[in-house]
Structure formats: structure tokens, C-alpha cells
C-alpha atoms as a PDB file:
ATOM      1  CA  PHE A   1      98.774 162.501 -63.310  1.00  0.00           C
ATOM      2  CA  VAL A   2     100.727 159.168 -63.130  1.00  0.00           C
ATOM      3  CA  GLY A   3      99.708 156.186 -65.088  1.00  0.00           C
ATOM      4  CA  ALA A   4     100.857 152.819 -66.479  1.00  0.00           C
ATOM      5  CA  LYS A   5     102.795 152.926 -69.657  1.00  0.00           C
ATOM      6  CA  ASP A   6     101.003 151.457 -72.763  1.00  0.00           C
ATOM      7  CA  LYS A   7      97.633 151.751 -71.060  1.00  0.00           C
ATOM      8  CA  ILE A   8      94.682 153.945 -72.229  1.00  0.00           C
ATOM      9  CA  GLU A   9      95.375 156.750 -69.705  1.00  0.00           C
ATOM     10  CA  MET A  10      98.568 157.626 -71.537  1.00  0.00           C
ATOM     11  CA  GLU A  11      96.373 158.720 -74.510  1.00  0.00           C
ATOM     12  CA  LYS A  12      93.274 160.142 -72.691  1.00  0.00           C
ATOM     13  CA  VAL A  13      95.094 162.340 -70.159  1.00  0.00           C
ATOM     14  CA  PRO A  14      97.134 164.327 -72.637  1.00  0.00           C
ATOM     15  CA  ALA A  15      94.035 164.497 -74.938  1.00  0.00           C
ATOM     16  CA  ALA A  16      92.322 166.337 -72.114  1.00  0.00           C
ATOM     17  CA  GLY A  17      95.063 168.764 -71.782  1.00  0.00           C
ATOM     18  CA  PHE A  18      97.007 167.440 -68.845  1.00  0.00           C
ATOM     19  CA  ASN A  19     100.542 166.086 -68.379  1.00  0.00           C
ATOM     20  CA  ILE A  20     101.020 162.465 -67.328  1.00  0.00           C
ATOM     21  CA  ILE A  21     104.133 160.467 -66.307  1.00  0.00           C
ATOM     22  CA  GLY A  22     104.155 156.732 -67.234  1.00  0.00           C
ATOM     23  CA  LEU A  23     105.378 153.973 -64.894  1.00  0.00           C
ATOM     24  CA  PRO A  24     106.291 150.481 -66.213  1.00  0.00           C
ATOM     25  CA  ALA A  25     103.645 149.029 -64.042  1.00  0.00           C
ATOM     26  CA  ALA A  26     102.036 145.671 -64.903  1.00  0.00           C
ATOM     27  CA  GLY A  27      99.852 143.066 -63.301  1.00  0.00           C
ATOM     28  CA  LEU A  28     100.406 139.355 -62.885  1.00  0.00           C
ATOM     29  CA  GLN A  29      99.766 137.354 -66.061  1.00  0.00           C
ATOM     30  CA  ARG A  30      98.164 134.206 -64.792  1.00  0.00           C
ATOM     31  CA  LYS A  31      98.116 132.532 -68.210  1.00  0.00           C
ATOM     32  CA  LYS A  32     101.444 133.753 -69.442  1.00  0.00           C
ATOM     33  CA  PHE A  33     104.060 132.625 -66.907  1.00  0.00           C
ATOM     34  CA  PHE A  34     107.181 133.756 -68.654  1.00  0.00           C
ATOM     35  CA  LYS A  35     105.924 137.336 -69.000  1.00  0.00           C
ATOM     36  CA  ASN A  36     105.914 137.510 -65.121  1.00  0.00           C
ATOM     37  CA  LEU A  37     109.751 137.070 -64.953  1.00  0.00           C
ATOM     38  CA  SER A  38     110.237 140.777 -65.539  1.00  0.00           C
ATOM     39  CA  LEU A  39     107.732 141.785 -62.915  1.00  0.00           C
ATOM     40  CA  PRO A  40     110.262 142.249 -60.012  1.00  0.00           C
ATOM     41  CA  PHE A  41     112.416 144.545 -62.122  1.00  0.00           C
ATOM     42  CA  LYS A  42     109.398 146.592 -63.217  1.00  0.00           C
ATOM     43  CA  LEU A  43     108.253 146.830 -59.678  1.00  0.00           C
ATOM     44  CA  LEU A  44     111.570 148.057 -58.444  1.00  0.00           C
ATOM     45  CA  THR A  45     111.689 150.629 -61.239  1.00  0.00           C
ATOM     46  CA  CYS A  46     108.217 151.858 -60.349  1.00  0.00           C
ATOM     47  CA  MET A  47     109.060 152.281 -56.762  1.00  0.00           C
ATOM     48  CA  ILE A  48     112.255 154.298 -57.421  1.00  0.00           C
ATOM     49  CA  LYS A  49     110.483 156.481 -60.067  1.00  0.00           C
ATOM     50  CA  SER A  50     107.477 156.948 -57.809  1.00  0.00           C
ATOM     51  CA  ARG A  51     109.682 158.148 -54.884  1.00  0.00           C
ATOM     52  CA  LYS A  52     111.328 160.685 -57.186  1.00  0.00           C
ATOM     53  CA  ILE A  53     107.970 161.917 -58.565  1.00  0.00           C
ATOM     54  CA  ILE A  54     106.649 162.564 -55.031  1.00  0.00           C
ATOM     55  CA  LYS A  55     109.838 164.180 -53.855  1.00  0.00           C
ATOM     56  CA  ASP A  56     109.924 166.586 -56.896  1.00  0.00           C
ATOM     57  CA  PHE A  57     106.209 167.330 -57.095  1.00  0.00           C
ATOM     58  CA  LYS A  58     105.518 167.765 -53.371  1.00  0.00           C
ATOM     59  CA  PRO A  59     101.786 167.080 -53.614  1.00  0.00           C
ATOM     60  CA  ASP A  60      99.443 168.087 -50.772  1.00  0.00           C
ATOM     61  CA  ILE A  61      97.390 164.949 -51.316  1.00  0.00           C
ATOM     62  CA  ALA A  62      97.623 161.869 -53.611  1.00  0.00           C
ATOM     63  CA  VAL A  63      94.495 160.322 -55.084  1.00  0.00           C
ATOM     64  CA  GLY A  64      94.423 156.771 -56.429  1.00  0.00           C
ATOM     65  CA  VAL A  65      91.593 155.682 -58.841  1.00  0.00           C
ATOM     66  CA  GLY A  66      92.908 152.108 -59.414  1.00  0.00           C
ATOM     67  CA  GLY A  67      95.068 150.863 -62.269  1.00  0.00           C
ATOM     68  CA  TYR A  68      98.594 149.360 -62.053  1.00  0.00           C
ATOM     69  CA  ALA A  69     100.213 152.720 -61.246  1.00  0.00           C
ATOM     70  CA  SER A  70      98.208 153.416 -58.071  1.00  0.00           C
ATOM     71  CA  GLY A  71     100.058 150.921 -55.828  1.00  0.00           C
ATOM     72  CA  PRO A  72     103.589 152.248 -56.232  1.00  0.00           C
ATOM     73  CA  ILE A  73     102.830 155.956 -56.441  1.00  0.00           C
ATOM     74  CA  LEU A  74     100.506 155.840 -53.347  1.00  0.00           C
ATOM     75  CA  ARG A  75     102.923 153.799 -51.320  1.00  0.00           C
ATOM     76  CA  ALA A  76     105.590 156.361 -52.157  1.00  0.00           C
ATOM     77  CA  ALA A  77     103.351 159.219 -51.200  1.00  0.00           C
ATOM     78  CA  ALA A  78     102.330 157.604 -47.829  1.00  0.00           C
ATOM     79  CA  LYS A  79     106.017 156.917 -46.974  1.00  0.00           C
ATOM     80  CA  GLN A  80     106.771 160.628 -47.559  1.00  0.00           C
ATOM     81  CA  GLY A  81     103.928 161.745 -45.269  1.00  0.00           C
ATOM     82  CA  VAL A  82     101.540 162.776 -48.034  1.00  0.00           C
ATOM     83  CA  PRO A  83      97.851 161.995 -47.181  1.00  0.00           C
ATOM     84  CA  ILE A  84      96.420 159.450 -49.576  1.00  0.00           C
ATOM     85  CA  VAL A  85      92.833 158.965 -50.794  1.00  0.00           C
ATOM     86  CA  LEU A  86      91.323 155.981 -52.745  1.00  0.00           C
ATOM     87  CA  GLN A  87      88.516 155.779 -55.153  1.00  0.00           C
ATOM     88  CA  GLU A  88      87.350 152.128 -55.289  1.00  0.00           C
ATOM     89  CA  GLN A  89      85.190 151.942 -58.458  1.00  0.00           C
ATOM     90  CA  ASN A  90      84.105 148.349 -58.191  1.00  0.00           C
ATOM     91  CA  SER A  91      81.862 146.314 -55.909  1.00  0.00           C
ATOM     92  CA  HIS A  92      84.704 144.090 -55.018  1.00  0.00           C
ATOM     93  CA  ALA A  93      87.808 145.791 -53.643  1.00  0.00           C
ATOM     94  CA  GLY A  94      90.990 144.776 -55.381  1.00  0.00           C
ATOM     95  CA  VAL A  95      93.944 143.533 -53.328  1.00  0.00           C
ATOM     96  CA  THR A  96      96.065 146.672 -53.952  1.00  0.00           C
ATOM     97  CA  ASN A  97      93.273 148.960 -52.637  1.00  0.00           C
ATOM     98  CA  GLN A  98      92.720 146.700 -49.583  1.00  0.00           C
ATOM     99  CA  ILE A  99      96.470 147.046 -48.775  1.00  0.00           C
ATOM    100  CA  LEU A 100      96.549 150.761 -49.450  1.00  0.00           C
ATOM    101  CA  ALA A 101      93.371 151.323 -47.471  1.00  0.00           C
ATOM    102  CA  LYS A 102      95.297 150.966 -44.221  1.00  0.00           C
ATOM    103  CA  LYS A 103      97.218 154.088 -44.957  1.00  0.00           C
ATOM    104  CA  ALA A 104      94.353 156.006 -46.622  1.00  0.00           C
ATOM    105  CA  SER A 105      92.696 159.020 -44.967  1.00  0.00           C
ATOM    106  CA  LYS A 106      89.410 158.531 -46.938  1.00  0.00           C
ATOM    107  CA  ILE A 107      87.967 155.932 -49.421  1.00  0.00           C
ATOM    108  CA  PHE A 108      85.409 156.914 -52.055  1.00  0.00           C
ATOM    109  CA  THR A 109      83.070 154.089 -52.950  1.00  0.00           C
ATOM    110  CA  ALA A 110      80.408 153.445 -55.584  1.00  0.00           C
ATOM    111  CA  TYR A 111      78.670 150.361 -54.030  1.00  0.00           C
ATOM    112  CA  ASP A 112      76.940 149.561 -50.824  1.00  0.00           C
ATOM    113  CA  GLY A 113      78.450 147.072 -48.435  1.00  0.00           C
ATOM    114  CA  MET A 114      82.129 148.060 -48.865  1.00  0.00           C
ATOM    115  CA  GLU A 115      82.499 147.941 -44.999  1.00  0.00           C
ATOM    116  CA  LYS A 116      83.575 144.246 -45.608  1.00  0.00           C
ATOM    117  CA  TYR A 117      86.814 145.520 -47.248  1.00  0.00           C
ATOM    118  CA  PHE A 118      87.393 148.962 -45.629  1.00  0.00           C
ATOM    119  CA  ASP A 119      87.205 150.781 -42.326  1.00  0.00           C
ATOM    120  CA  LYS A 120      83.632 152.149 -42.252  1.00  0.00           C
ATOM    121  CA  ASP A 121      84.869 155.460 -40.734  1.00  0.00           C
ATOM    122  CA  LYS A 122      87.017 156.091 -43.871  1.00  0.00           C
ATOM    123  CA  ILE A 123      84.282 155.264 -46.393  1.00  0.00           C
ATOM    124  CA  PHE A 124      82.618 158.091 -48.316  1.00  0.00           C
ATOM    125  CA  PHE A 125      79.928 156.886 -50.773  1.00  0.00           C
ATOM    126  CA  ALA A 126      80.105 159.034 -53.855  1.00  0.00           C
ATOM    127  CA  GLY A 127      79.460 156.817 -56.878  1.00  0.00           C
ATOM    128  CA  ASN A 128      81.717 156.892 -59.955  1.00  0.00           C
ATOM    129  CA  PRO A 129      82.194 160.035 -61.979  1.00  0.00           C
ATOM    130  CA  VAL A 130      80.946 159.901 -65.537  1.00  0.00           C
ATOM    131  CA  ARG A 131      81.122 162.006 -68.530  1.00  0.00           C
ATOM    132  CA  SER A 132      78.944 165.108 -68.265  1.00  0.00           C
ATOM    133  CA  ASP A 133      77.078 164.366 -71.561  1.00  0.00           C
ATOM    134  CA  ILE A 134      75.830 161.003 -69.946  1.00  0.00           C
ATOM    135  CA  ALA A 135      74.969 162.643 -66.599  1.00  0.00           C
ATOM    136  CA  GLU A 136      72.733 165.214 -68.444  1.00  0.00           C
ATOM    137  CA  ILE A 137      71.382 163.783 -71.735  1.00  0.00           C
ATOM    138  CA  THR A 138      69.396 166.646 -73.283  1.00  0.00           C
ATOM    139  CA  ALA A 139      68.621 165.218 -76.744  1.00  0.00           C
ATOM    140  CA  THR A 140      65.188 163.749 -77.676  1.00  0.00           C
ATOM    141  CA  ARG A 141      64.793 160.203 -78.751  1.00  0.00           C
ATOM    142  CA  GLU A 142      63.780 161.333 -82.173  1.00  0.00           C
ATOM    143  CA  GLU A 143      67.062 163.235 -82.513  1.00  0.00           C
ATOM    144  CA  ALA A 144      68.939 160.139 -81.407  1.00  0.00           C
ATOM    145  CA  LEU A 145      67.162 157.910 -83.789  1.00  0.00           C
ATOM    146  CA  GLU A 146      67.854 160.327 -86.705  1.00  0.00           C
ATOM    147  CA  HIS A 147      71.492 160.500 -85.692  1.00  0.00           C
ATOM    148  CA  PHE A 148      71.984 156.756 -86.221  1.00  0.00           C
ATOM    149  CA  GLY A 149      69.604 156.409 -89.137  1.00  0.00           C
ATOM    150  CA  LEU A 150      67.105 154.294 -87.172  1.00  0.00           C
ATOM    151  CA  THR A 151      63.290 154.188 -87.358  1.00  0.00           C
ATOM    152  CA  ALA A 152      60.858 154.693 -84.461  1.00  0.00           C
ATOM    153  CA  ASP A 153      58.651 151.655 -85.347  1.00  0.00           C
ATOM    154  CA  LYS A 154      61.307 149.009 -84.584  1.00  0.00           C
ATOM    155  CA  PRO A 155      63.074 148.368 -81.232  1.00  0.00           C
ATOM    156  CA  VAL A 156      66.701 149.427 -80.773  1.00  0.00           C
ATOM    157  CA  VAL A 157      69.420 147.386 -79.056  1.00  0.00           C
ATOM    158  CA  LEU A 158      72.783 149.034 -78.172  1.00  0.00           C
ATOM    159  CA  SER A 159      75.703 146.688 -77.993  1.00  0.00           C
ATOM    160  CA  VAL A 160      78.961 148.087 -76.406  1.00  0.00           C
ATOM    161  CA  GLY A 161      82.108 146.262 -75.470  1.00  0.00           C
ATOM    162  CA  GLY A 162      84.494 149.100 -74.693  1.00  0.00           C
ATOM    163  CA  SER A 163      86.584 151.130 -77.198  1.00  0.00           C
ATOM    164  CA  LEU A 164      88.681 148.134 -78.146  1.00  0.00           C
ATOM    165  CA  GLY A 165      85.663 145.899 -78.402  1.00  0.00           C
ATOM    166  CA  ALA A 166      84.656 142.665 -76.734  1.00  0.00           C
ATOM    167  CA  GLY A 167      85.341 139.424 -78.728  1.00  0.00           C
ATOM    168  CA  THR A 168      82.526 137.443 -77.220  1.00  0.00           C
ATOM    169  CA  ILE A 169      79.862 140.042 -77.791  1.00  0.00           C
ATOM    170  CA  ASN A 170      81.007 140.391 -81.383  1.00  0.00           C
ATOM    171  CA  LYS A 171      80.980 136.635 -81.998  1.00  0.00           C
ATOM    172  CA  SER A 172      77.579 136.444 -80.455  1.00  0.00           C
ATOM    173  CA  ILE A 173      76.066 139.085 -82.650  1.00  0.00           C
ATOM    174  CA  MET A 174      77.691 137.478 -85.850  1.00  0.00           C
ATOM    175  CA  ALA A 175      76.241 134.120 -84.852  1.00  0.00           C
ATOM    176  CA  HIS A 176      72.729 135.597 -84.758  1.00  0.00           C
ATOM    177  CA  ILE A 177      72.891 138.521 -87.099  1.00  0.00           C
ATOM    178  CA  ASP A 178      70.211 137.086 -89.403  1.00  0.00           C
ATOM    179  CA  GLU A 179      67.870 136.514 -86.607  1.00  0.00           C
ATOM    180  CA  PHE A 180      68.107 140.100 -85.498  1.00  0.00           C
ATOM    181  CA  GLU A 181      67.571 141.232 -89.100  1.00  0.00           C
ATOM    182  CA  LYS A 182      64.530 138.871 -89.551  1.00  0.00           C
ATOM    183  CA  ALA A 183      63.005 139.952 -86.146  1.00  0.00           C
ATOM    184  CA  GLY A 184      63.377 143.713 -87.120  1.00  0.00           C
ATOM    185  CA  ILE A 185      65.429 144.535 -84.138  1.00  0.00           C
ATOM    186  CA  GLN A 186      67.748 147.439 -84.904  1.00  0.00           C
ATOM    187  CA  LEU A 187      71.188 147.078 -83.616  1.00  0.00           C
ATOM    188  CA  ILE A 188      73.692 149.979 -82.778  1.00  0.00           C
ATOM    189  CA  TRP A 189      76.792 147.761 -82.717  1.00  0.00           C
ATOM    190  CA  GLN A 190      80.007 149.197 -81.275  1.00  0.00           C
ATOM    191  CA  THR A 191      82.401 146.522 -82.526  1.00  0.00           C
ATOM    192  CA  GLY A 192      85.600 148.164 -81.074  1.00  0.00           C
ATOM    193  CA  LYS A 193      88.493 149.337 -83.250  1.00  0.00           C
ATOM    194  CA  TYR A 194      90.326 146.082 -82.834  1.00  0.00           C
ATOM    195  CA  TYR A 195      87.545 144.033 -84.548  1.00  0.00           C
ATOM    196  CA  TYR A 196      85.946 146.499 -86.913  1.00  0.00           C
ATOM    197  CA  ASP A 197      87.828 145.703 -90.079  1.00  0.00           C
ATOM    198  CA  ASN A 198      87.422 141.934 -89.802  1.00  0.00           C
ATOM    199  CA  ILE A 199      83.699 142.339 -89.041  1.00  0.00           C
ATOM    200  CA  MET A 200      83.143 144.652 -91.976  1.00  0.00           C
ATOM    201  CA  ALA A 201      84.995 142.136 -94.225  1.00  0.00           C
ATOM    202  CA  SER A 202      82.682 139.398 -93.020  1.00  0.00           C
ATOM    203  CA  LEU A 203      79.727 141.474 -93.860  1.00  0.00           C
ATOM    204  CA  ALA A 204      80.911 142.480 -97.313  1.00  0.00           C
ATOM    205  CA  GLY A 205      78.312 141.745 -99.957  1.00  0.00           C
ATOM    206  CA  LYS A 206      75.454 141.306 -97.501  1.00  0.00           C
ATOM    207  CA  THR A 207      72.623 143.808 -97.017  1.00  0.00           C
ATOM    208  CA  TYR A 208      71.227 144.396 -93.550  1.00  0.00           C
ATOM    209  CA  THR A 209      68.800 147.206 -92.921  1.00  0.00           C
ATOM    210  CA  CYS A 210      68.637 146.759 -89.108  1.00  0.00           C
ATOM    211  CA  ILE A 211      72.331 146.219 -88.371  1.00  0.00           C
ATOM    212  CA  HIS A 212      74.558 149.287 -87.815  1.00  0.00           C
ATOM    213  CA  PRO A 213      78.149 148.393 -86.954  1.00  0.00           C
ATOM    214  CA  MET A 214      80.620 151.117 -86.105  1.00  0.00           C
ATOM    215  CA  ALA A 215      84.167 150.923 -84.592  1.00  0.00           C
ATOM    216  CA  PHE A 216      83.331 153.473 -81.871  1.00  0.00           C
ATOM    217  CA  VAL A 217      80.186 155.329 -80.855  1.00  0.00           C
ATOM    218  CA  LYS A 218      81.244 158.927 -80.505  1.00  0.00           C
ATOM    219  CA  ARG A 219      77.871 160.189 -79.233  1.00  0.00           C
ATOM    220  CA  MET A 220      77.146 157.648 -76.475  1.00  0.00           C
ATOM    221  CA  ASP A 221      74.622 159.985 -75.044  1.00  0.00           C
ATOM    222  CA  LEU A 222      72.502 159.642 -78.164  1.00  0.00           C
ATOM    223  CA  ALA A 223      73.025 155.873 -78.252  1.00  0.00           C
ATOM    224  CA  TYR A 224      71.697 155.506 -74.749  1.00  0.00           C
ATOM    225  CA  LYS A 225      68.760 157.765 -75.613  1.00  0.00           C
ATOM    226  CA  ALA A 226      67.865 155.655 -78.718  1.00  0.00           C
ATOM    227  CA  ALA A 227      68.264 152.284 -77.092  1.00  0.00           C
ATOM    228  CA  ASP A 228      65.357 150.198 -75.736  1.00  0.00           C
ATOM    229  CA  VAL A 229      67.827 147.635 -74.365  1.00  0.00           C
ATOM    230  CA  VAL A 230      71.634 147.698 -73.887  1.00  0.00           C
ATOM    231  CA  VAL A 231      74.097 144.839 -73.920  1.00  0.00           C
ATOM    232  CA  SER A 232      77.322 145.728 -72.236  1.00  0.00           C
ATOM    233  CA  ARG A 233      80.425 144.440 -70.293  1.00  0.00           C
ATOM    234  CA  SER A 234      80.253 145.413 -66.563  1.00  0.00           C
ATOM    235  CA  GLY A 235      83.285 147.467 -65.963  1.00  0.00           C
ATOM    236  CA  ALA A 236      82.815 149.914 -63.094  1.00  0.00           C
ATOM    237  CA  LEU A 237      82.368 153.058 -65.310  1.00  0.00           C
ATOM    238  CA  SER A 238      80.071 151.341 -67.764  1.00  0.00           C
ATOM    239  CA  VAL A 239      77.852 150.264 -64.872  1.00  0.00           C
ATOM    240  CA  SER A 240      77.779 153.807 -63.550  1.00  0.00           C
ATOM    241  CA  GLU A 241      76.848 155.245 -66.952  1.00  0.00           C
ATOM    242  CA  LEU A 242      73.970 152.809 -67.370  1.00  0.00           C
ATOM    243  CA  CYS A 243      72.691 153.748 -63.931  1.00  0.00           C
ATOM    244  CA  LEU A 244      72.426 157.345 -65.045  1.00  0.00           C
ATOM    245  CA  ALA A 245      71.088 156.389 -68.479  1.00  0.00           C
ATOM    246  CA  ALA A 246      68.424 154.285 -66.724  1.00  0.00           C
ATOM    247  CA  LYS A 247      68.372 151.755 -69.488  1.00  0.00           C
ATOM    248  CA  PRO A 248      67.440 147.982 -69.179  1.00  0.00           C
ATOM    249  CA  VAL A 249      70.751 146.188 -69.534  1.00  0.00           C
ATOM    250  CA  ILE A 250      72.084 142.689 -70.113  1.00  0.00           C
ATOM    251  CA  PHE A 251      75.523 142.441 -68.673  1.00  0.00           C
ATOM    252  CA  ILE A 252      78.067 139.971 -70.147  1.00  0.00           C
ATOM    253  CA  PRO A 253      81.047 140.278 -67.714  1.00  0.00           C
ATOM    254  CA  SER A 254      84.504 139.902 -69.080  1.00  0.00           C
ATOM    255  CA  PRO A 255      86.169 136.878 -67.589  1.00  0.00           C
ATOM    256  CA  ASN A 256      89.611 138.417 -68.377  1.00  0.00           C
ATOM    257  CA  VAL A 257      89.870 140.774 -65.433  1.00  0.00           C
ATOM    258  CA  ALA A 258      91.427 140.604 -61.993  1.00  0.00           C
ATOM    259  CA  GLU A 259      89.436 138.818 -59.287  1.00  0.00           C
ATOM    260  CA  ASP A 260      86.403 138.515 -61.605  1.00  0.00           C
ATOM    261  CA  HIS A 261      85.272 142.050 -60.504  1.00  0.00           C
ATOM    262  CA  GLN A 262      83.048 142.469 -63.569  1.00  0.00           C
ATOM    263  CA  THR A 263      80.856 139.577 -62.498  1.00  0.00           C
ATOM    264  CA  LYS A 264      80.615 140.981 -59.000  1.00  0.00           C
ATOM    265  CA  ASN A 265      79.714 144.498 -60.316  1.00  0.00           C
ATOM    266  CA  ALA A 266      76.907 142.926 -62.427  1.00  0.00           C
ATOM    267  CA  MET A 267      75.572 140.751 -59.663  1.00  0.00           C
ATOM    268  CA  ALA A 268      75.305 143.880 -57.364  1.00  0.00           C
ATOM    269  CA  LEU A 269      72.658 145.046 -59.818  1.00  0.00           C
ATOM    270  CA  VAL A 270      71.097 141.568 -60.680  1.00  0.00           C
ATOM    271  CA  ASN A 271      70.477 141.090 -56.977  1.00  0.00           C
ATOM    272  CA  LYS A 272      68.390 144.406 -56.934  1.00  0.00           C
ATOM    273  CA  ASP A 273      66.467 143.344 -60.051  1.00  0.00           C
ATOM    274  CA  ALA A 274      68.181 146.161 -61.920  1.00  0.00           C
ATOM    275  CA  ALA A 275      69.812 144.092 -64.730  1.00  0.00           C
ATOM    276  CA  ALA A 276      70.220 140.735 -66.296  1.00  0.00           C
ATOM    277  CA  LEU A 277      73.344 138.757 -66.619  1.00  0.00           C
ATOM    278  CA  LEU A 278      74.515 136.410 -69.355  1.00  0.00           C
ATOM    279  CA  THR A 279      77.890 134.722 -68.775  1.00  0.00           C
ATOM    280  CA  ASP A 280      80.668 135.069 -71.264  1.00  0.00           C
ATOM    281  CA  ALA A 281      80.673 131.200 -71.641  1.00  0.00           C
ATOM    282  CA  GLU A 282      76.978 130.907 -72.635  1.00  0.00           C
ATOM    283  CA  ALA A 283      76.670 134.179 -74.534  1.00  0.00           C
ATOM    284  CA  GLU A 284      77.140 132.853 -78.052  1.00  0.00           C
ATOM    285  CA  ALA A 285      74.552 130.171 -77.767  1.00  0.00           C
ATOM    286  CA  LYS A 286      71.932 132.264 -75.860  1.00  0.00           C
ATOM    287  CA  PHE A 287      72.547 135.739 -77.121  1.00  0.00           C
ATOM    288  CA  PHE A 288      69.560 136.249 -79.418  1.00  0.00           C
ATOM    289  CA  ASP A 289      67.134 134.408 -77.154  1.00  0.00           C
ATOM    290  CA  VAL A 290      67.965 136.473 -74.088  1.00  0.00           C
ATOM    291  CA  VAL A 291      68.157 139.805 -75.918  1.00  0.00           C
ATOM    292  CA  SER A 292      64.985 139.359 -77.944  1.00  0.00           C
ATOM    293  CA  ALA A 293      63.065 138.160 -74.832  1.00  0.00           C
ATOM    294  CA  LEU A 294      63.998 141.326 -72.865  1.00  0.00           C
ATOM    295  CA  VAL A 295      63.120 143.481 -75.943  1.00  0.00           C
ATOM    296  CA  ALA A 296      59.620 141.903 -75.971  1.00  0.00           C
ATOM    297  CA  ASP A 297      59.012 142.216 -72.198  1.00  0.00           C
ATOM    298  CA  ASP A 298      57.837 145.687 -71.416  1.00  0.00           C
ATOM    299  CA  ASP A 299      57.218 145.025 -67.644  1.00  0.00           C
ATOM    300  CA  LYS A 300      60.747 143.563 -67.121  1.00  0.00           C
ATOM    301  CA  LYS A 301      62.224 146.557 -69.088  1.00  0.00           C
ATOM    302  CA  LYS A 302      60.367 148.992 -66.853  1.00  0.00           C
ATOM    303  CA  ALA A 303      61.468 147.178 -63.651  1.00  0.00           C
ATOM    304  CA  PHE A 304      65.005 147.178 -64.742  1.00  0.00           C
ATOM    305  CA  SER A 305      64.847 150.845 -65.689  1.00  0.00           C
ATOM    306  CA  ASP A 306      63.310 151.950 -62.576  1.00  0.00           C
ATOM    307  CA  ASN A 307      65.592 149.907 -60.269  1.00  0.00           C
ATOM    308  CA  ILE A 308      68.840 150.820 -62.011  1.00  0.00           C
ATOM    309  CA  SER A 309      67.976 154.559 -61.910  1.00  0.00           C
ATOM    310  CA  LYS A 310      67.744 154.357 -58.134  1.00  0.00           C
ATOM    311  CA  LEU A 311      71.456 153.434 -58.031  1.00  0.00           C
ATOM    312  CA  ALA A 312      72.603 156.551 -60.020  1.00  0.00           C
ATOM    313  CA  VAL A 313      74.775 159.230 -58.443  1.00  0.00           C
ATOM    314  CA  LYS A 314      74.517 162.330 -60.732  1.00  0.00           C
ATOM    315  CA  ASN A 315      77.058 164.584 -59.042  1.00  0.00           C
ATOM    316  CA  SER A 316      79.833 162.062 -58.189  1.00  0.00           C
ATOM    317  CA  ALA A 317      82.672 164.127 -59.601  1.00  0.00           C
ATOM    318  CA  ASP A 318      81.576 167.226 -57.633  1.00  0.00           C
ATOM    319  CA  LEU A 319      81.194 165.213 -54.381  1.00  0.00           C
ATOM    320  CA  ILE A 320      84.733 163.717 -54.695  1.00  0.00           C
ATOM    321  CA  ALA A 321      86.412 167.002 -55.835  1.00  0.00           C
ATOM    322  CA  LYS A 322      84.892 169.092 -53.011  1.00  0.00           C
ATOM    323  CA  GLU A 323      85.806 166.528 -50.339  1.00  0.00           C
ATOM    324  CA  ILE A 324      89.431 166.356 -51.530  1.00  0.00           C
ATOM    325  CA  VAL A 325      89.668 170.178 -51.692  1.00  0.00           C
ATOM    326  CA  GLN A 326      88.221 170.317 -48.171  1.00  0.00           C
ATOM    327  CA  MET A 327      90.926 167.828 -46.992  1.00  0.00           C
ATOM    328  CA  VAL A 328      93.838 170.076 -48.198  1.00  0.00           C
ATOM    329  CA  LYS A 329      92.550 173.327 -46.911  1.00  0.00           C
END
């Protein structure tokens, strides 16, 4: 594995029992000009290190799944005659993948209509791999409710903003927390570890029976099972998980991502009546009204659930792995 230094893969890959090499790869900081001054030096270092990695490791094939490290390592692989494969996780292909696609032997995609970015003969629709516990949720809803200390007579909303959290979603909940409590809407609230301490300090001395904040939801399978409605960012893997969980979802796309791909991911589902979208800018003002309206609308929830489930790919990891193995035989 090769990843970008200081990114989450440098923790997750070793935790899974694999070695990973870090590159000083970084993206363009559109709002922080002076941070971009070191980019040419980082890029040169990445290219030199990538050439050495490919030369020493001698891979039969190189697979890029996005992220800042994909560009230099796949370019180095292609230049040394190693076949390269891309996995484009989003509905809008990033610039790096569009450039690399010219050299790629195969491109795994997760959305329809990717022919506008890639050669249709290279495309293999496979969805996005997700955790096995999400792909096959075996627990009952009763078990899920008990796990989180919830009751069956009140609706449940799951709010997730990634492991670090989402500032806008957290602010929106804090702005309407009393309304959720008064309405009897139970909230599984993943604050993210970055925001958790400040949120708990703000809640000190207050008693809420419906609000259940936690830094990180360890049993996301149970959280999905318990939820009547989900509020989420719309990163590629979050969208794929929600398709498998078949839950009615309100997406609040992050505006702080390259090429606004989270909005495009969300719109791919909104256009199929499989989800709702609330923009980051309007979230704090409209959060409770939008969430409570969906909670109360059984017909809309059923339509969202039915339509989003049609977009699920349960065996994505197997499809991709088998195709790659076949390519190197």
C-alpha cells in the first residue's frame, strides 16, 4: 500500500495488518495560497520516491483508489510498464483520474453515466466496496435499539459526519436540540472526535432523554438498523453504505472537497428520488424542519428506502478483486 502522509490511510492500513509507505502528497489549497508554495517540491519528492517504490517492489499491477498518492505512484507504474487500474468512487471523476485514465487498462466505477469521463470500453461497473458488517446486517432492530439505549415508541434519527465530524451538522443539531427533545425524536449523534469534548461541555448540566451524542459510532451496522432516517455527508463510501442499508437519507454535502464531488454524489441519488439534499449553507436554519418532515412522512421514507436500495452493489469488493486477479493471470 502507498498513501499520503498524515492522512487516515496511514492509521487504517497498519491497523488492518498491512504495511504502507507514505508519500508527502498534498492537494492545492485554494484558500491558503502560501501553503501551495511547497507543492512543487512535494510533487518532485513524490515522483522520485514513487519510481523507487515501483522499481523495488516490481508489482504485476497497480491499483489506484483515489487520494493524493494515486497520481504519482500510478504515473510511475505506467512509465515502468506496469498495468494500472483505477477505482473511481465518485459520480464526478476527479482531474487526476481523468488524466490517469488514458493509461489505465480498466476503470471500476460506482455510478451510471461515467462514459462522459472515461473510455466506455475500459469501464467496469462494480460499485464501491463497503465493510462486511454493513453489507450483511444480521441484528434485529430490537437489538439495535437496546444497544443504544433507545425506545421503540419514538422515531430515531442517525446523524453522521465522518470520524472527525462535520462542523455544520453539529452546529445544526445544537441550534435545534431542544426541538428534537420536545418532539420526542431520538438522535444517535456521531459528533466526531474533533468536536466531541466541546459539545459535551456545552451540554453539561442539561438533561436530554432523546439526545445520544458520541464521538464515534463503533457499531454502525446497529446504528443503521435502529435509524428511521439518516443525516449524512455524501462522500462516496458513505453513499455506498447507505444504499446497502436502504435507509431514507438527507445528505448535507461538504463544500470543502475538490470539485464539489459530494454535491454531485448526492444529486445522483436525488435525481432518482432516492434521497433528499440540504445544502451546507442552509442547514443550520432549516435542519429541524427538513429532518422532522421526513421523519413524519411515511410515504416519502418508503420511496427513498425502495429507490436507494436499487442502487446497492452487495459484492463490490469481490467483483473488483476477481477482475484484478484475472488480469494478472
